[in-house]
All heavy atoms as atom14 arrays in JSON, in Angstrom:
{
  "sequence": "ITGPVAAYSVPASIGELTITLSSIVNKDTVFAPNVLVFDQNMTPA",
  "atom14_mask": [
    [1, 1, 1, 1, 1, 1, 1, 1, 0, 0, 0, 0, 0, 0],
    [1, 1, 1, 1, 1, 1, 1, 0, 0, 0, 0, 0, 0, 0],
    [1, 1, 1, 1, 0, 0, 0, 0, 0, 0, 0, 0, 0, 0],
    [1, 1, 1, 1, 1, 1, 1, 0, 0, 0, 0, 0, 0, 0],
    [1, 1, 1, 1, 1, 1, 1, 0, 0, 0, 0, 0, 0, 0],
    [1, 1, 1, 1, 1, 0, 0, 0, 0, 0, 0, 0, 0, 0],
    [1, 1, 1, 1, 1, 0, 0, 0, 0, 0, 0, 0, 0, 0],
    [1, 1, 1, 1, 1, 1, 1, 1, 1, 1, 1, 1, 0, 0],
    [1, 1, 1, 1, 1, 1, 0, 0, 0, 0, 0, 0, 0, 0],
    [1, 1, 1, 1, 1, 1, 1, 0, 0, 0, 0, 0, 0, 0],
    [1, 1, 1, 1, 1, 1, 1, 0, 0, 0, 0, 0, 0, 0],
    [1, 1, 1, 1, 1, 0, 0, 0, 0, 0, 0, 0, 0, 0],
    [1, 1, 1, 1, 1, 1, 0, 0, 0, 0, 0, 0, 0, 0],
    [1, 1, 1, 1, 1, 1, 1, 1, 0, 0, 0, 0, 0, 0],
    [1, 1, 1, 1, 0, 0, 0, 0, 0, 0, 0, 0, 0, 0],
    [1, 1, 1, 1, 1, 1, 1, 1, 1, 0, 0, 0, 0, 0],
    [1, 1, 1, 1, 1, 1, 1, 1, 0, 0, 0, 0, 0, 0],
    [1, 1, 1, 1, 1, 1, 1, 0, 0, 0, 0, 0, 0, 0],
    [1, 1, 1, 1, 1, 1, 1, 1, 0, 0, 0, 0, 0, 0],
    [1, 1, 1, 1, 1, 1, 1, 0, 0, 0, 0, 0, 0, 0],
    [1, 1, 1, 1, 1, 1, 1, 1, 0, 0, 0, 0, 0, 0],
    [1, 1, 1, 1, 1, 1, 0, 0, 0, 0, 0, 0, 0, 0],
    [1, 1, 1, 1, 1, 1, 0, 0, 0, 0, 0, 0, 0, 0],
    [1, 1, 1, 1, 1, 1, 1, 1, 0, 0, 0, 0, 0, 0],
    [1, 1, 1, 1, 1, 1, 1, 0, 0, 0, 0, 0, 0, 0],
    [1, 1, 1, 1, 1, 1, 1, 1, 0, 0, 0, 0, 0, 0],
    [1, 1, 1, 1, 1, 1, 1, 1, 1, 0, 0, 0, 0, 0],
    [1, 1, 1, 1, 1, 1, 1, 1, 0, 0, 0, 0, 0, 0],
    [1, 1, 1, 1, 1, 1, 1, 0, 0, 0, 0, 0, 0, 0],
    [1, 1, 1, 1, 1, 1, 1, 0, 0, 0, 0, 0, 0, 0],
    [1, 1, 1, 1, 1, 1, 1, 1, 1, 1, 1, 0, 0, 0],
    [1, 1, 1, 1, 1, 0, 0, 0, 0, 0, 0, 0, 0, 0],
    [1, 1, 1, 1, 1, 1, 1, 0, 0, 0, 0, 0, 0, 0],
    [1, 1, 1, 1, 1, 1, 1, 1, 0, 0, 0, 0, 0, 0],
    [1, 1, 1, 1, 1, 1, 1, 0, 0, 0, 0, 0, 0, 0],
    [1, 1, 1, 1, 1, 1, 1, 1, 0, 0, 0, 0, 0, 0],
    [1, 1, 1, 1, 1, 1, 1, 0, 0, 0, 0, 0, 0, 0],
    [1, 1, 1, 1, 1, 1, 1, 1, 1, 1, 1, 0, 0, 0],
    [1, 1, 1, 1, 1, 1, 1, 1, 0, 0, 0, 0, 0, 0],
    [1, 1, 1, 1, 1, 1, 1, 1, 1, 0, 0, 0, 0, 0],
    [1, 1, 1, 1, 1, 1, 1, 1, 0, 0, 0, 0, 0, 0],
    [1, 1, 1, 1, 1, 1, 1, 1, 0, 0, 0, 0, 0, 0],
    [1, 1, 1, 1, 1, 1, 1, 0, 0, 0, 0, 0, 0, 0],
    [1, 1, 1, 1, 1, 1, 1, 0, 0, 0, 0, 0, 0, 0],
    [1, 1, 1, 1, 1, 0, 0, 0, 0, 0, 0, 0, 0, 0]
  ],
  "atom14_positions": [
    [[0.84, -1.19, 0.0], [0.0, 0.0, 0.0], [0.88, 1.25, 0.0], [1.85, 1.35, 0.75], [-0.94, 0.01, 1.22], [-1.92, -1.16, 1.11], [-1.7, 1.33, 1.33], [-2.83, -1.3, 2.32], [0.0, 0.0, 0.0], [0.0, 0.0, 0.0], [0.0, 0.0, 0.0], [0.0, 0.0, 0.0], [0.0, 0.0, 0.0], [0.0, 0.0, 0.0]],
    [[0.52, 2.21, -0.84], [1.28, 3.45, -0.89], [0.34, 4.65, -0.95], [-0.76, 4.56, -1.51], [2.22, 3.46, -2.12], [3.02, 4.64, -2.11], [1.43, 3.42, -3.42], [0.0, 0.0, 0.0], [0.0, 0.0, 0.0], [0.0, 0.0, 0.0], [0.0, 0.0, 0.0], [0.0, 0.0, 0.0], [0.0, 0.0, 0.0], [0.0, 0.0, 0.0]],
    [[0.78, 5.76, -0.36], [-0.04, 6.97, -0.39], [-1.21, 6.91, 0.59], [-1.38, 5.94, 1.33], [0.0, 0.0, 0.0], [0.0, 0.0, 0.0], [0.0, 0.0, 0.0], [0.0, 0.0, 0.0], [0.0, 0.0, 0.0], [0.0, 0.0, 0.0], [0.0, 0.0, 0.0], [0.0, 0.0, 0.0], [0.0, 0.0, 0.0], [0.0, 0.0, 0.0]],
    [[-2.05, 7.95, 0.58], [-3.19, 8.01, 1.5], [-4.26, 6.98, 1.16], [-4.39, 6.54, 0.02], [-3.71, 9.44, 1.31], [-3.25, 9.84, -0.05], [-1.95, 9.15, -0.26], [0.0, 0.0, 0.0], [0.0, 0.0, 0.0], [0.0, 0.0, 0.0], [0.0, 0.0, 0.0], [0.0, 0.0, 0.0], [0.0, 0.0, 0.0], [0.0, 0.0, 0.0]],
    [[-5.03, 6.61, 2.19], [-6.12, 5.65, 2.03], [-7.42, 6.28, 2.52], [-7.42, 7.3, 3.21], [-5.85, 4.34, 2.81], [-4.53, 3.73, 2.38], [-5.86, 4.6, 4.32], [0.0, 0.0, 0.0], [0.0, 0.0, 0.0], [0.0, 0.0, 0.0], [0.0, 0.0, 0.0], [0.0, 0.0, 0.0], [0.0, 0.0, 0.0], [0.0, 0.0, 0.0]],
    [[-8.53, 5.65, 2.17], [-9.85, 6.07, 2.67], [-10.48, 4.87, 3.36], [-10.37, 3.73, 2.88], [-10.75, 6.55, 1.53], [0.0, 0.0, 0.0], [0.0, 0.0, 0.0], [0.0, 0.0, 0.0], [0.0, 0.0, 0.0], [0.0, 0.0, 0.0], [0.0, 0.0, 0.0], [0.0, 0.0, 0.0], [0.0, 0.0, 0.0], [0.0, 0.0, 0.0]],
    [[-11.14, 5.11, 4.49], [-11.75, 4.04, 5.28], [-13.21, 4.38, 5.55], [-13.52, 5.47, 6.04], [-11.0, 3.86, 6.61], [0.0, 0.0, 0.0], [0.0, 0.0, 0.0], [0.0, 0.0, 0.0], [0.0, 0.0, 0.0], [0.0, 0.0, 0.0], [0.0, 0.0, 0.0], [0.0, 0.0, 0.0], [0.0, 0.0, 0.0], [0.0, 0.0, 0.0]],
    [[-14.1, 3.46, 5.2], [-15.54, 3.69, 5.34], [-16.2, 2.59, 6.16], [-15.77, 1.43, 6.11], [-16.22, 3.73, 3.97], [-15.66, 4.74, 3.0], [-14.84, 4.34, 1.95], [-15.95, 6.1, 3.12], [-14.32, 5.27, 1.05], [-15.44, 7.03, 2.23], [-14.63, 6.6, 1.19], [-14.12, 7.52, 0.31], [0.0, 0.0, 0.0], [0.0, 0.0, 0.0]],
    [[-17.23, 2.95, 6.9], [-18.08, 1.96, 7.56], [-19.46, 2.06, 6.92], [-19.99, 3.15, 6.73], [-18.13, 2.19, 9.07], [-19.12, 3.12, 9.42], [0.0, 0.0, 0.0], [0.0, 0.0, 0.0], [0.0, 0.0, 0.0], [0.0, 0.0, 0.0], [0.0, 0.0, 0.0], [0.0, 0.0, 0.0], [0.0, 0.0, 0.0], [0.0, 0.0, 0.0]],
    [[-20.02, 0.89, 6.58], [-21.28, 0.82, 5.86], [-22.29, 0.04, 6.69], [-21.95, -1.04, 7.21], [-21.09, 0.12, 4.49], [-22.41, 0.03, 3.74], [-20.05, 0.87, 3.67], [0.0, 0.0, 0.0], [0.0, 0.0, 0.0], [0.0, 0.0, 0.0], [0.0, 0.0, 0.0], [0.0, 0.0, 0.0], [0.0, 0.0, 0.0], [0.0, 0.0, 0.0]],
    [[-23.51, 0.53, 6.86], [-24.51, -0.23, 7.61], [-24.83, -1.54, 6.9], [-25.06, -1.56, 5.69], [-25.72, 0.72, 7.65], [-25.52, 1.65, 6.5], [-24.05, 1.81, 6.36], [0.0, 0.0, 0.0], [0.0, 0.0, 0.0], [0.0, 0.0, 0.0], [0.0, 0.0, 0.0], [0.0, 0.0, 0.0], [0.0, 0.0, 0.0], [0.0, 0.0, 0.0]],
    [[-24.82, -2.64, 7.66], [-25.05, -3.95, 7.06], [-26.42, -4.52, 7.4], [-26.76, -5.61, 6.97], [-23.96, -4.93, 7.53], [0.0, 0.0, 0.0], [0.0, 0.0, 0.0], [0.0, 0.0, 0.0], [0.0, 0.0, 0.0], [0.0, 0.0, 0.0], [0.0, 0.0, 0.0], [0.0, 0.0, 0.0], [0.0, 0.0, 0.0], [0.0, 0.0, 0.0]],
    [[-27.21, -3.78, 8.16], [-28.52, -4.29, 8.58], [-29.64, -3.76, 7.7], [-30.81, -3.87, 8.04], [-28.78, -3.88, 10.04], [-28.69, -2.48, 10.2], [0.0, 0.0, 0.0], [0.0, 0.0, 0.0], [0.0, 0.0, 0.0], [0.0, 0.0, 0.0], [0.0, 0.0, 0.0], [0.0, 0.0, 0.0], [0.0, 0.0, 0.0], [0.0, 0.0, 0.0]],
    [[-29.3, -3.15, 6.55], [-30.33, -2.58, 5.67], [-30.6, -3.48, 4.47], [-31.29, -3.1, 3.55], [-29.91, -1.17, 5.18], [-28.57, -1.22, 4.43], [-29.84, -0.2, 6.34], [-28.14, 0.11, 3.85], [0.0, 0.0, 0.0], [0.0, 0.0, 0.0], [0.0, 0.0, 0.0], [0.0, 0.0, 0.0], [0.0, 0.0, 0.0], [0.0, 0.0, 0.0]],
    [[-30.02, -4.69, 4.48], [-30.26, -5.62, 3.39], [-29.07, -5.76, 2.48], [-27.95, -5.33, 2.81], [0.0, 0.0, 0.0], [0.0, 0.0, 0.0], [0.0, 0.0, 0.0], [0.0, 0.0, 0.0], [0.0, 0.0, 0.0], [0.0, 0.0, 0.0], [0.0, 0.0, 0.0], [0.0, 0.0, 0.0], [0.0, 0.0, 0.0], [0.0, 0.0, 0.0]],
    [[-29.28, -6.36, 1.32], [-28.21, -6.57, 0.36], [-27.76, -5.23, -0.21], [-28.56, -4.32, -0.4], [-28.69, -7.5, -0.75], [-29.06, -8.88, -0.21], [-29.61, -9.79, -1.3], [-30.38, -9.29, -2.14], [-29.27, -10.97, -1.3], [0.0, 0.0, 0.0], [0.0, 0.0, 0.0], [0.0, 0.0, 0.0], [0.0, 0.0, 0.0], [0.0, 0.0, 0.0]],
    [[-26.46, -5.12, -0.49], [-25.88, -3.83, -0.83], [-25.29, -3.82, -2.24], [-24.64, -4.79, -2.66], [-24.77, -3.48, 0.17], [-25.15, -3.49, 1.65], [-23.9, -3.32, 2.51], [-26.15, -2.39, 1.95], [0.0, 0.0, 0.0], [0.0, 0.0, 0.0], [0.0, 0.0, 0.0], [0.0, 0.0, 0.0], [0.0, 0.0, 0.0], [0.0, 0.0, 0.0]],
    [[-25.51, -2.74, -2.93], [-24.81, -2.45, -4.19], [-23.99, -1.18, -3.96], [-24.55, -0.12, -3.71], [-25.79, -2.24, -5.35], [-26.49, -3.46, -5.6], [-25.04, -1.85, -6.62], [0.0, 0.0, 0.0], [0.0, 0.0, 0.0], [0.0, 0.0, 0.0], [0.0, 0.0, 0.0], [0.0, 0.0, 0.0], [0.0, 0.0, 0.0], [0.0, 0.0, 0.0]],
    [[-22.68, -1.31, -4.01], [-21.78, -0.2, -3.69], [-21.0, 0.19, -4.93], [-20.29, -0.62, -5.52], [-20.81, -0.6, -2.56], [-21.6, -1.02, -1.32], [-19.87, 0.55, -2.24], [-20.73, -1.5, -0.18], [0.0, 0.0, 0.0], [0.0, 0.0, 0.0], [0.0, 0.0, 0.0], [0.0, 0.0, 0.0], [0.0, 0.0, 0.0], [0.0, 0.0, 0.0]],
    [[-21.17, 1.44, -5.36], [-20.48, 1.95, -6.54], [-19.34, 2.87, -6.11], [-19.57, 3.86, -5.42], [-21.44, 2.73, -7.45], [-22.53, 1.88, -7.83], [-20.73, 3.22, -8.71], [0.0, 0.0, 0.0], [0.0, 0.0, 0.0], [0.0, 0.0, 0.0], [0.0, 0.0, 0.0], [0.0, 0.0, 0.0], [0.0, 0.0, 0.0], [0.0, 0.0, 0.0]],
    [[-18.13, 2.53, -6.51], [-16.95, 3.35, -6.19], [-16.42, 3.94, -7.49], [-16.17, 3.21, -8.45], [-15.87, 2.51, -5.51], [-14.57, 3.28, -5.21], [-14.8, 4.28, -4.09], [-13.45, 2.32, -4.83], [0.0, 0.0, 0.0], [0.0, 0.0, 0.0], [0.0, 0.0, 0.0], [0.0, 0.0, 0.0], [0.0, 0.0, 0.0], [0.0, 0.0, 0.0]],
    [[-16.25, 5.27, -7.51], [-15.73, 5.96, -8.68], [-14.49, 6.75, -8.31], [-14.43, 7.34, -7.22], [-16.79, 6.91, -9.26], [-17.99, 6.23, -9.57], [0.0, 0.0, 0.0], [0.0, 0.0, 0.0], [0.0, 0.0, 0.0], [0.0, 0.0, 0.0], [0.0, 0.0, 0.0], [0.0, 0.0, 0.0], [0.0, 0.0, 0.0], [0.0, 0.0, 0.0]],
    [[-13.5, 6.75, -9.2], [-12.29, 7.54, -9.03], [-12.16, 8.47, -10.23], [-12.02, 8.01, -11.37], [-11.06, 6.63, -8.92], [-9.88, 7.4, -8.8], [0.0, 0.0, 0.0], [0.0, 0.0, 0.0], [0.0, 0.0, 0.0], [0.0, 0.0, 0.0], [0.0, 0.0, 0.0], [0.0, 0.0, 0.0], [0.0, 0.0, 0.0], [0.0, 0.0, 0.0]],
    [[-12.24, 9.79, -9.99], [-12.3, 10.78, -11.06], [-10.91, 11.06, -11.64], [-9.94, 11.22, -10.9], [-12.93, 12.08, -10.56], [-14.27, 11.8, -9.86], [-13.11, 13.08, -11.69], [-15.29, 11.1, -10.75], [0.0, 0.0, 0.0], [0.0, 0.0, 0.0], [0.0, 0.0, 0.0], [0.0, 0.0, 0.0], [0.0, 0.0, 0.0], [0.0, 0.0, 0.0]],
    [[-10.85, 11.13, -12.97], [-9.6, 11.51, -13.64], [-9.42, 13.02, -13.52], [-10.32, 13.79, -13.86], [-9.61, 11.1, -15.12], [-8.34, 11.57, -15.82], [-9.77, 9.58, -15.26], [0.0, 0.0, 0.0], [0.0, 0.0, 0.0], [0.0, 0.0, 0.0], [0.0, 0.0, 0.0], [0.0, 0.0, 0.0], [0.0, 0.0, 0.0], [0.0, 0.0, 0.0]],
    [[-8.26, 13.44, -13.05], [-7.94, 14.86, -12.92], [-6.84, 15.19, -13.92], [-5.68, 14.86, -13.71], [-7.49, 15.19, -11.49], [-7.19, 16.66, -11.31], [-7.53, 17.49, -12.15], [-6.54, 17.0, -10.21], [0.0, 0.0, 0.0], [0.0, 0.0, 0.0], [0.0, 0.0, 0.0], [0.0, 0.0, 0.0], [0.0, 0.0, 0.0], [0.0, 0.0, 0.0]],
    [[-7.25, 15.79, -15.05], [-6.33, 16.1, -16.14], [-5.71, 14.81, -16.67], [-6.35, 14.05, -17.34], [-5.29, 17.11, -15.69], [-5.89, 18.46, -15.31], [-4.82, 19.45, -14.89], [-5.42, 20.8, -14.51], [-4.41, 21.76, -14.07], [0.0, 0.0, 0.0], [0.0, 0.0, 0.0], [0.0, 0.0, 0.0], [0.0, 0.0, 0.0], [0.0, 0.0, 0.0]],
    [[-4.45, 14.54, -16.33], [-3.8, 13.33, -16.84], [-3.4, 12.4, -15.71], [-2.49, 11.58, -15.85], [-2.57, 13.7, -17.67], [-1.52, 14.45, -16.85], [-1.84, 14.88, -15.71], [-0.39, 14.63, -17.34], [0.0, 0.0, 0.0], [0.0, 0.0, 0.0], [0.0, 0.0, 0.0], [0.0, 0.0, 0.0], [0.0, 0.0, 0.0], [0.0, 0.0, 0.0]],
    [[-4.1, 12.47, -14.58], [-3.79, 11.63, -13.42], [-5.07, 11.03, -12.86], [-6.11, 11.68, -12.83], [-3.08, 12.45, -12.32], [-1.92, 13.08, -12.86], [-2.67, 11.55, -11.16], [0.0, 0.0, 0.0], [0.0, 0.0, 0.0], [0.0, 0.0, 0.0], [0.0, 0.0, 0.0], [0.0, 0.0, 0.0], [0.0, 0.0, 0.0], [0.0, 0.0, 0.0]],
    [[-4.97, 9.78, -12.38], [-6.12, 9.14, -11.76], [-5.64, 8.21, -10.65], [-4.55, 7.62, -10.74], [-6.95, 8.35, -12.8], [-6.17, 7.18, -13.37], [-8.27, 7.87, -12.2], [0.0, 0.0, 0.0], [0.0, 0.0, 0.0], [0.0, 0.0, 0.0], [0.0, 0.0, 0.0], [0.0, 0.0, 0.0], [0.0, 0.0, 0.0], [0.0, 0.0, 0.0]],
    [[-6.42, 8.11, -9.61], [-6.15, 7.21, -8.49], [-6.74, 5.84, -8.84], [-7.94, 5.72, -9.1], [-6.79, 7.76, -7.21], [-6.63, 6.89, -5.99], [-5.49, 6.95, -5.22], [-7.64, 6.01, -5.61], [-5.34, 6.15, -4.08], [-7.52, 5.23, -4.49], [-6.36, 5.29, -3.72], [0.0, 0.0, 0.0], [0.0, 0.0, 0.0], [0.0, 0.0, 0.0]],
    [[-5.9, 4.8, -8.88], [-6.37, 3.44, -9.21], [-6.75, 2.73, -7.91], [-5.88, 2.28, -7.16], [-5.28, 2.66, -9.93], [0.0, 0.0, 0.0], [0.0, 0.0, 0.0], [0.0, 0.0, 0.0], [0.0, 0.0, 0.0], [0.0, 0.0, 0.0], [0.0, 0.0, 0.0], [0.0, 0.0, 0.0], [0.0, 0.0, 0.0], [0.0, 0.0, 0.0]],
    [[-8.05, 2.61, -7.61], [-8.46, 2.1, -6.3], [-8.41, 0.58, -6.2], [-8.63, -0.15, -7.17], [-9.91, 2.59, -6.18], [-10.38, 2.65, -7.59], [-9.19, 3.03, -8.43], [0.0, 0.0, 0.0], [0.0, 0.0, 0.0], [0.0, 0.0, 0.0], [0.0, 0.0, 0.0], [0.0, 0.0, 0.0], [0.0, 0.0, 0.0], [0.0, 0.0, 0.0]],
    [[-8.1, 0.1, -5.01], [-8.29, -1.28, -4.59], [-9.21, -1.21, -3.37], [-9.12, -0.26, -2.59], [-6.97, -1.94, -4.16], [-5.94, -2.02, -5.28], [-5.66, -3.06, -5.81], [-5.35, -0.86, -5.63], [0.0, 0.0, 0.0], [0.0, 0.0, 0.0], [0.0, 0.0, 0.0], [0.0, 0.0, 0.0], [0.0, 0.0, 0.0], [0.0, 0.0, 0.0]],
    [[-10.06, -2.2, -3.17], [-10.97, -2.2, -2.03], [-10.88, -3.53, -1.29], [-11.05, -4.6, -1.89], [-12.43, -1.94, -2.46], [-13.36, -2.05, -1.25], [-12.56, -0.58, -3.11], [0.0, 0.0, 0.0], [0.0, 0.0, 0.0], [0.0, 0.0, 0.0], [0.0, 0.0, 0.0], [0.0, 0.0, 0.0], [0.0, 0.0, 0.0], [0.0, 0.0, 0.0]],
    [[-10.59, -3.44, 0.0], [-10.6, -4.61, 0.88], [-11.79, -4.49, 1.81], [-11.95, -3.49, 2.5], [-9.29, -4.67, 1.67], [-9.01, -5.94, 2.49], [-9.1, -7.2, 1.63], [-7.63, -5.86, 3.15], [0.0, 0.0, 0.0], [0.0, 0.0, 0.0], [0.0, 0.0, 0.0], [0.0, 0.0, 0.0], [0.0, 0.0, 0.0], [0.0, 0.0, 0.0]],
    [[-12.67, -5.5, 1.79], [-13.9, -5.48, 2.58], [-13.71, -6.32, 3.84], [-13.22, -7.46, 3.76], [-15.09, -6.03, 1.76], [-16.38, -5.99, 2.58], [-15.26, -5.24, 0.47], [0.0, 0.0, 0.0], [0.0, 0.0, 0.0], [0.0, 0.0, 0.0], [0.0, 0.0, 0.0], [0.0, 0.0, 0.0], [0.0, 0.0, 0.0], [0.0, 0.0, 0.0]],
    [[-14.11, -5.77, 4.98], [-14.03, -6.48, 6.26], [-15.43, -6.67, 6.82], [-16.32, -5.83, 6.62], [-13.2, -5.67, 7.28], [-11.79, -5.41, 6.86], [-11.48, -4.29, 6.11], [-10.76, -6.25, 7.23], [-10.18, -4.02, 5.71], [-9.45, -6.0, 6.84], [-9.16, -4.88, 6.08], [0.0, 0.0, 0.0], [0.0, 0.0, 0.0], [0.0, 0.0, 0.0]],
    [[-15.63, -7.77, 7.57], [-16.91, -7.95, 8.25], [-16.9, -7.15, 9.55], [-15.97, -6.38, 9.82], [-17.21, -9.43, 8.48], [-16.28, -10.08, 9.5], [-15.48, -9.37, 10.15], [-16.37, -11.31, 9.68], [0.0, 0.0, 0.0], [0.0, 0.0, 0.0], [0.0, 0.0, 0.0], [0.0, 0.0, 0.0], [0.0, 0.0, 0.0], [0.0, 0.0, 0.0]],
    [[-17.93, -7.32, 10.37], [-18.06, -6.48, 11.56], [-16.96, -6.74, 12.59], [-16.74, -5.93, 13.49], [-19.43, -6.7, 12.21], [-19.62, -8.08, 12.82], [-20.97, -8.19, 13.52], [-21.8, -7.3, 13.42], [-21.18, -9.28, 14.23], [0.0, 0.0, 0.0], [0.0, 0.0, 0.0], [0.0, 0.0, 0.0], [0.0, 0.0, 0.0], [0.0, 0.0, 0.0]],
    [[-16.26, -7.87, 12.49], [-15.16, -8.16, 13.41], [-13.8, -7.82, 12.81], [-12.77, -8.27, 13.31], [-15.2, -9.64, 13.8], [-16.46, -9.99, 14.55], [-16.92, -9.22, 15.39], [-17.04, -11.14, 14.25], [0.0, 0.0, 0.0], [0.0, 0.0, 0.0], [0.0, 0.0, 0.0], [0.0, 0.0, 0.0], [0.0, 0.0, 0.0], [0.0, 0.0, 0.0]],
    [[-13.83, -7.05, 11.7], [-12.61, -6.63, 11.01], [-11.83, -7.82, 10.46], [-10.6, -7.79, 10.4], [-11.73, -5.77, 11.92], [-12.37, -4.46, 12.37], [-12.96, -3.45, 10.98], [-11.42, -2.97, 10.22], [0.0, 0.0, 0.0], [0.0, 0.0, 0.0], [0.0, 0.0, 0.0], [0.0, 0.0, 0.0], [0.0, 0.0, 0.0], [0.0, 0.0, 0.0]],
    [[-12.54, -8.83, 10.03], [-11.92, -9.97, 9.35], [-12.07, -9.76, 7.85], [-13.18, -9.5, 7.38], [-12.62, -11.28, 9.75], [-12.52, -11.46, 11.16], [-11.97, -12.48, 9.04], [0.0, 0.0, 0.0], [0.0, 0.0, 0.0], [0.0, 0.0, 0.0], [0.0, 0.0, 0.0], [0.0, 0.0, 0.0], [0.0, 0.0, 0.0], [0.0, 0.0, 0.0]],
    [[-10.98, -9.87, 7.06], [-11.09, -9.67, 5.61], [-12.11, -10.65, 5.0], [-12.1, -11.84, 5.33], [-9.67, -9.96, 5.11], [-8.8, -9.69, 6.29], [-9.59, -10.12, 7.49], [0.0, 0.0, 0.0], [0.0, 0.0, 0.0], [0.0, 0.0, 0.0], [0.0, 0.0, 0.0], [0.0, 0.0, 0.0], [0.0, 0.0, 0.0], [0.0, 0.0, 0.0]],
    [[-12.99, -10.14, 4.14], [-14.04, -10.96, 3.56], [-14.01, -10.96, 2.04], [-14.43, -11.94, 1.42], [-15.41, -10.48, 4.05], [0.0, 0.0, 0.0], [0.0, 0.0, 0.0], [0.0, 0.0, 0.0], [0.0, 0.0, 0.0], [0.0, 0.0, 0.0], [0.0, 0.0, 0.0], [0.0, 0.0, 0.0], [0.0, 0.0, 0.0], [0.0, 0.0, 0.0]]
  ]
}
C-alpha cells in the first residue's frame, strides 16, 4: 500500500448492498483504487 487511504463503515442491517466506487480523472492523473472489505469483526471478507 502506498499513499493516503480512505476508510468507510457501511450499515449492514439494511439488506443486500450495491456499492459503486468511482475515481475521477484529474487532467492526466487518476487514483487506481483497490478495495478490501471487512466484516463487523474486522476480518477480511
